[in-house]
Protein backbone atom coordinates (compact mmCIF):
# COMPACT_ATOMS: atom_id res chain seq x y z
CA MET A 1 -4.32 -69.84 -19.17
CA ASP A 2 -7.26 -71.37 -17.29
CA LEU A 3 -7.58 -69.94 -13.81
CA PRO A 4 -9.13 -71.76 -10.84
CA PHE A 5 -12.60 -70.60 -9.90
CA GLY A 6 -13.71 -69.76 -6.37
CA ILE A 7 -17.30 -69.84 -5.12
CA ASP A 8 -18.53 -68.56 -1.75
CA PHE A 9 -21.79 -70.29 -0.73
CA GLY A 10 -23.80 -68.13 1.68
CA GLY A 11 -27.27 -68.17 3.13
CA SER A 12 -28.66 -65.51 0.79
CA GLY A 13 -26.22 -65.47 -2.13
CA ILE A 14 -23.73 -67.63 -3.99
CA LYS A 15 -20.84 -65.56 -5.36
CA GLY A 16 -18.00 -66.58 -7.62
CA ALA A 17 -15.13 -65.48 -9.84
CA PRO A 18 -11.98 -66.86 -11.46
CA VAL A 19 -8.95 -66.04 -9.33
CA ASP A 20 -5.41 -65.03 -10.29
CA LEU A 21 -3.48 -66.98 -7.67
CA ALA A 22 -0.27 -65.06 -8.34
CA ALA A 23 -1.95 -61.88 -7.12
CA GLY A 24 -4.72 -63.24 -4.90
CA GLU A 25 -7.25 -61.16 -6.85
CA PHE A 26 -10.37 -61.78 -8.92
CA ALA A 27 -9.44 -62.15 -12.59
CA MET A 28 -12.93 -61.05 -13.68
CA GLU A 29 -15.76 -59.24 -11.96
CA ARG A 30 -17.49 -61.35 -9.32
CA GLN A 31 -21.00 -62.62 -10.16
CA ARG A 32 -23.76 -63.37 -7.66
CA VAL A 33 -26.84 -65.58 -7.83
CA ALA A 34 -29.52 -66.01 -5.17
CA THR A 35 -29.18 -69.05 -2.92
CA PRO A 36 -32.06 -71.44 -3.69
CA GLN A 37 -34.62 -72.16 -0.99
CA PRO A 38 -34.41 -74.79 0.26
CA ALA A 39 -30.69 -74.93 -0.49
CA THR A 40 -30.44 -78.69 -1.00
CA PRO A 41 -27.31 -80.08 -2.67
CA ASP A 42 -29.15 -80.73 -5.95
CA ALA A 43 -30.64 -77.23 -5.98
CA VAL A 44 -27.24 -75.67 -5.31
CA ALA A 45 -25.67 -77.81 -8.05
CA ALA A 46 -28.12 -76.35 -10.57
CA VAL A 47 -27.26 -72.81 -9.46
CA LEU A 48 -23.53 -73.53 -9.77
CA VAL A 49 -24.02 -74.57 -13.39
CA ASP A 50 -25.81 -71.26 -14.02
CA LEU A 51 -23.10 -69.25 -12.26
CA LEU A 52 -20.24 -70.90 -14.15
CA SER A 53 -22.06 -70.40 -17.47
CA ARG A 54 -21.70 -66.63 -16.99
CA PHE A 55 -17.93 -66.90 -17.47
CA PRO A 56 -15.81 -68.07 -20.41
CA HIS A 57 -15.55 -71.85 -20.76
CA SER A 58 -12.74 -73.32 -18.66
CA SER A 59 -11.53 -76.72 -17.53
CA ALA A 60 -9.79 -75.37 -14.41
CA ALA A 61 -10.71 -76.65 -10.96
CA VAL A 62 -13.47 -75.06 -8.88
CA GLY A 63 -13.38 -74.52 -5.13
CA ILE A 64 -16.57 -73.99 -3.13
CA THR A 65 -16.93 -72.91 0.49
CA VAL A 66 -19.58 -74.54 2.65
CA PRO A 67 -20.48 -73.70 6.27
CA ALA A 68 -19.91 -77.27 7.41
CA VAL A 69 -17.32 -79.87 8.36
CA VAL A 70 -15.90 -81.45 5.20
CA ARG A 71 -13.97 -84.72 5.05
CA HIS A 72 -12.61 -85.84 1.67
CA GLY A 73 -15.34 -83.93 -0.14
CA VAL A 74 -18.15 -85.35 1.99
CA VAL A 75 -20.22 -82.99 4.16
CA SER A 76 -20.58 -84.29 7.71
CA SER A 77 -22.36 -81.48 9.57
CA ALA A 78 -25.22 -79.10 8.84
CA ALA A 79 -25.56 -76.56 11.63
CA ASN A 80 -26.35 -73.71 9.22
CA ILE A 81 -27.38 -75.49 6.02
CA ASP A 82 -30.11 -77.91 4.94
CA ASP A 83 -29.97 -81.28 6.73
CA SER A 84 -29.92 -83.07 3.39
CA TRP A 85 -26.24 -82.10 3.03
CA VAL A 86 -25.10 -84.51 5.74
CA GLY A 87 -23.43 -87.51 4.12
CA THR A 88 -23.42 -85.93 0.64
CA ASP A 89 -20.29 -86.40 -1.44
CA ALA A 90 -20.46 -82.82 -2.65
CA ASP A 91 -17.18 -83.05 -4.58
CA ALA A 92 -18.63 -85.86 -6.71
CA LEU A 93 -22.10 -84.29 -7.05
CA PHE A 94 -20.79 -80.89 -8.16
CA THR A 95 -18.09 -82.41 -10.39
CA ASP A 96 -20.75 -84.42 -12.21
CA ALA A 97 -23.11 -81.43 -12.48
CA THR A 98 -20.57 -78.91 -13.76
CA GLY A 99 -18.16 -81.07 -15.73
CA ARG A 100 -15.32 -79.43 -13.78
CA ASP A 101 -13.14 -80.83 -10.98
CA VAL A 102 -14.83 -79.42 -7.87
CA HIS A 103 -13.40 -79.36 -4.34
CA ILE A 104 -15.42 -78.14 -1.37
CA VAL A 105 -13.88 -76.63 1.73
CA ASN A 106 -15.13 -75.32 5.06
CA ASP A 107 -15.75 -71.57 4.75
CA ALA A 108 -13.50 -70.58 7.66
CA ASP A 109 -10.74 -72.84 6.36
CA ALA A 110 -10.93 -71.09 2.97
CA ALA A 111 -10.65 -67.69 4.63
CA GLY A 112 -7.70 -68.92 6.67
CA LEU A 113 -5.82 -70.13 3.61
CA ALA A 114 -6.41 -66.81 1.87
CA GLU A 115 -5.19 -64.74 4.82
CA VAL A 116 -2.04 -66.83 5.16
CA ARG A 117 -1.19 -66.74 1.44
CA TYR A 118 -2.24 -63.16 0.61
CA GLY A 119 -3.44 -61.30 3.70
CA ALA A 120 -2.59 -60.47 7.28
CA ALA A 121 -0.53 -63.64 7.90
CA ARG A 122 1.46 -63.59 4.65
CA GLY A 123 5.04 -64.68 5.20
CA ARG A 124 4.43 -65.88 8.77
CA ARG A 125 5.81 -69.26 9.75
CA GLY A 126 4.60 -71.55 12.48
CA LEU A 127 0.99 -71.88 13.60
CA VAL A 128 -1.47 -69.17 12.59
CA ILE A 129 -5.03 -69.29 13.93
CA VAL A 130 -7.59 -67.40 11.88
CA THR A 131 -10.94 -66.76 13.58
CA THR A 132 -14.07 -65.21 12.08
CA LEU A 133 -16.34 -63.45 14.56
CA GLY A 134 -19.90 -63.38 13.25
CA THR A 135 -23.07 -65.36 13.97
CA GLY A 136 -20.70 -67.98 15.36
CA ILE A 137 -16.93 -68.28 15.55
CA GLY A 138 -15.28 -69.91 12.56
CA SER A 139 -11.68 -71.01 12.81
CA ALA A 140 -8.78 -72.15 10.66
CA LEU A 141 -5.46 -73.61 11.76
CA VAL A 142 -2.65 -73.11 9.25
CA HIS A 143 0.86 -74.37 10.06
CA ASP A 144 3.69 -73.24 7.77
CA GLY A 145 1.12 -72.63 5.07
CA VAL A 146 -0.53 -76.05 5.41
CA LEU A 147 -4.19 -76.18 6.48
CA VAL A 148 -5.27 -78.40 9.37
CA PRO A 149 -8.95 -78.68 8.37
CA ASN A 150 -12.19 -78.59 10.35
CA SER A 151 -10.84 -77.19 13.60
CA GLU A 152 -14.25 -75.86 14.79
CA LEU A 153 -12.64 -73.92 17.66
CA GLY A 154 -15.80 -71.87 18.12
CA HIS A 155 -17.32 -74.90 19.82
CA LEU A 156 -14.72 -75.31 22.55
CA GLU A 157 -16.35 -75.50 25.97
CA ILE A 158 -15.08 -72.61 28.10
CA GLU A 159 -16.40 -71.94 31.61
CA GLY A 160 -19.28 -74.34 30.95
CA HIS A 161 -20.43 -72.66 27.73
CA ASP A 162 -20.03 -73.29 24.02
CA ALA A 163 -17.47 -70.58 23.29
CA GLU A 164 -19.30 -68.94 20.39
CA SER A 165 -22.54 -68.63 22.39
CA ARG A 166 -20.80 -66.00 24.55
CA ALA A 167 -17.96 -64.61 22.43
CA ALA A 168 -19.32 -64.42 18.88
CA ASN A 169 -20.28 -61.00 17.52
CA SER A 170 -23.92 -62.14 17.56
CA ALA A 171 -23.68 -62.49 21.36
CA ARG A 172 -22.41 -58.90 21.62
CA GLU A 173 -25.36 -57.68 19.56
CA ARG A 174 -27.93 -59.92 21.23
CA GLU A 175 -26.93 -58.91 24.76
CA GLY A 176 -26.17 -55.26 24.00
CA LEU A 177 -22.59 -55.55 25.26
CA SER A 178 -20.19 -52.64 25.13
CA MET A 179 -16.90 -53.22 23.33
CA GLU A 180 -15.19 -53.36 26.74
CA GLU A 181 -17.60 -56.02 28.01
CA TRP A 182 -17.28 -58.06 24.85
CA ALA A 183 -13.50 -57.72 24.90
CA GLY A 184 -13.50 -59.38 28.32
CA ARG A 185 -15.19 -62.44 26.82
CA LEU A 186 -12.87 -62.42 23.82
CA ARG A 187 -9.87 -62.23 26.16
CA THR A 188 -11.06 -65.39 27.93
CA TYR A 189 -11.56 -67.13 24.60
CA TYR A 190 -8.24 -66.20 23.02
CA ARG A 191 -6.28 -66.91 26.20
CA HIS A 192 -7.78 -70.40 26.15
CA LEU A 193 -6.54 -70.83 22.56
CA GLU A 194 -3.11 -69.54 23.63
CA MET A 195 -2.98 -72.17 26.36
CA LEU A 196 -3.94 -74.99 24.00
CA PHE A 197 -1.94 -74.09 20.89
CA SER A 198 0.76 -71.45 21.58
CA PRO A 199 0.26 -69.91 18.12
CA GLU A 200 2.56 -67.40 16.45
CA LEU A 201 -0.33 -65.18 15.37
CA PHE A 202 -4.10 -64.71 15.61
CA VAL A 203 -5.97 -63.19 12.67
CA VAL A 204 -9.50 -61.89 13.32
CA GLY A 205 -12.00 -61.78 10.48
CA GLY A 206 -15.74 -61.27 10.10
CA GLY A 207 -17.50 -57.97 9.46
CA ILE A 208 -16.70 -56.70 12.95
CA SER A 209 -12.98 -56.86 12.13
CA LYS A 210 -13.43 -53.49 10.39
CA GLN A 211 -13.74 -52.10 13.95
CA ALA A 212 -10.72 -54.03 15.23
CA ASP A 213 -9.11 -50.90 16.69
CA GLU A 214 -12.05 -50.69 19.13
CA PHE A 215 -11.54 -54.10 20.74
CA LEU A 216 -8.23 -55.79 19.83
CA PRO A 217 -6.13 -53.36 21.93
CA LEU A 218 -8.26 -54.29 24.96
CA LEU A 219 -7.42 -58.01 24.87
CA GLY A 220 -3.94 -57.93 26.41
CA LEU A 221 -2.79 -61.24 24.96
CA ASP A 222 0.73 -62.64 24.86
CA THR A 223 0.22 -63.52 21.18
CA GLU A 224 0.12 -60.94 18.40
CA ILE A 225 -3.43 -60.46 17.12
CA VAL A 226 -4.31 -58.55 13.95
CA PRO A 227 -7.41 -57.93 11.80
CA ALA A 228 -7.95 -59.85 8.57
CA ARG A 229 -7.28 -58.01 5.31
CA LEU A 230 -9.19 -59.84 2.59
CA LEU A 231 -12.63 -59.36 4.17
CA ASN A 232 -15.39 -60.35 1.72
CA LYS A 233 -12.86 -61.57 -0.87
CA ALA A 234 -11.43 -64.24 1.42
CA GLY A 235 -13.99 -66.96 0.70
CA ILE A 236 -13.71 -66.86 -3.08
CA VAL A 237 -9.92 -66.44 -3.12
CA GLY A 238 -9.42 -69.15 -0.50
CA ALA A 239 -11.75 -71.57 -2.29
CA ALA A 240 -9.88 -71.15 -5.57
CA LEU A 241 -6.56 -71.61 -3.78
CA TYR A 242 -7.86 -74.76 -2.05
CA ALA A 243 -9.02 -76.17 -5.40
CA SER A 244 -5.60 -75.52 -6.91
CA LEU A 245 -3.81 -77.14 -3.96
CA SER A 246 -6.18 -80.13 -4.09
CA GLU A 247 -5.50 -80.61 -7.79
CA GLY A 248 -1.78 -80.56 -7.09
CA SER A 249 -2.01 -83.16 -4.33
CA SER A 250 -4.27 -85.48 -6.32
CA GLY A 251 -2.38 -85.08 -9.58
């Protein structure tokens, strides 16, 4: 049986593996190739062909995360990737290059789908908000298992500031904040999300989520908030899941 393939496109590496969607696990060992510099769409397409050639031939769909807003396969922002991506129909470009049906998805959205299907939010109904605390704040809104794409909640204006400029993990590191000081900023951020969305659950991802017991208990929210479980697997698993769901909706 052909299994969907997930690819996580990062600044330094592009990682991928076929995914067993019944288990939410890699079906073969993950492979990694260096991200080309500059990482233009055409250069990345060539690397994807190389990456896929390392695995047995398959006709299954491929999902690829990108750190950008994606609408119907077209990239419409480029805060952390090469400007040449803006306006690129990446679904079409990568489908042509690889000979596989390719579906791109925002990286935080992929992680959100994975956490809801297999991770910390499995079995939860209603609205789940997944946030990734890293260089910025990525976000995913998933309602009853259905993704509401491109939420970009890290860019909400709170107290006159772009939220992620004060509450992302990079702000904690840059300003030398203690966990208690940072938790105060996170409390402001998550309370704002509570006011706007009244979610059933917050899930917190990003590398810092491994230290969740040092800051989540300090937030004092009305909403349950838990650390993500899939960690560095979330992008690949979520991308493969998104590709499978996209095939189902288009077929």
